[in-house]
Amino acid sequence: MERVDMTPHTFDAVAFVDNVPIRELEALFPGGRGSPHDLVVTLDGEGTLFAFPFGALVFLDVPSARREAELTRLRRARPRLTPGVVRESFVAVERPGEPVGFRDGRLVVDRLTPGRAGIIALTVAQSAAMEYYERIVDDLTSRTRGLVERLEVRGFVPMRTRQLHRFIGEAIGTRSEVLSVLHLLDKPDATWDDPAMDRIYGELRGEFDLVDRYGALELKLKSVQEALELLVGTARDRRLVALETAIVVLIVIEIVLGWARAG
């Protein structure tokens, strides 16, 4: 007879464009258990909220109405906060006596301790944040491809390079943000204290494919950087040619004027 799931637990993640410092989160959600890397808040018997400084919240077993109320409170506290751009859900199931592993797309654990719940929340938050970065990197890649295609058709880039420089600045900023995600992929210290927690973290990393997704992001960013270096070099060469041409023209004019004065 097929075994029935004993206790399902739902993790709902919301990722924002903006980072939110832990100190601000502690002020907004008083009474939470804070660390430099996260904040854990018990919501009056309506589940648990995990807040991370890289712009992600994860709700564990929190009703939909309470989730929206907490998100509204966050937006009121930070009016300039960009609306949530990524939402992701994940279900873990408690089955006493069973080993940790994925079954039918769900993570099965024998017990969902607070520490294990924190590891799951962190990984779901990482996945949601990674999806946001994938979107903006894909957008950068598409826009860079358009610039390169124009270079291929015209054979040159415009003399006015302000927009190009602004785009380069945006790309550099995005690259810095994505690289800052790297520390999120380090194994949490808590996994060293609980072999089952380490197994849970390994299973989740594989399920969400975090390492390969991060590698793909790095490759795309490297491609964008190389293309932008080509465009900047082409623009610089064109401006140097224009400058040299102007100098030659001025020399010729000076010579002609000299002959005119001598005549």
Foldseek 3Di string as FASTA:
>chain_A
DDDDFDDKKKKKKFFFPAFAAPVLVCVLQPPWDDDRAWTWHDDPPQFIWIGGRNGMIITINHDPVVVVVSVVSVCVSPVPTGGTDFMDMAMETADAPDAFDDDPRYTYDPDCDPVLVVLVNLLRRLLRSLVVLVVVLVVLLVVLVVQVVVCVVPVADDLDCPVLVVSVVVLVVSVVSLVVCVVSPDDDPVCVVPVSSVVSNVNSCVVSVNVVSSVVSVVSSVVSVVSSVVRVVRSVVVVVVVVVVVVVVVVVVVVVVVVVVVD
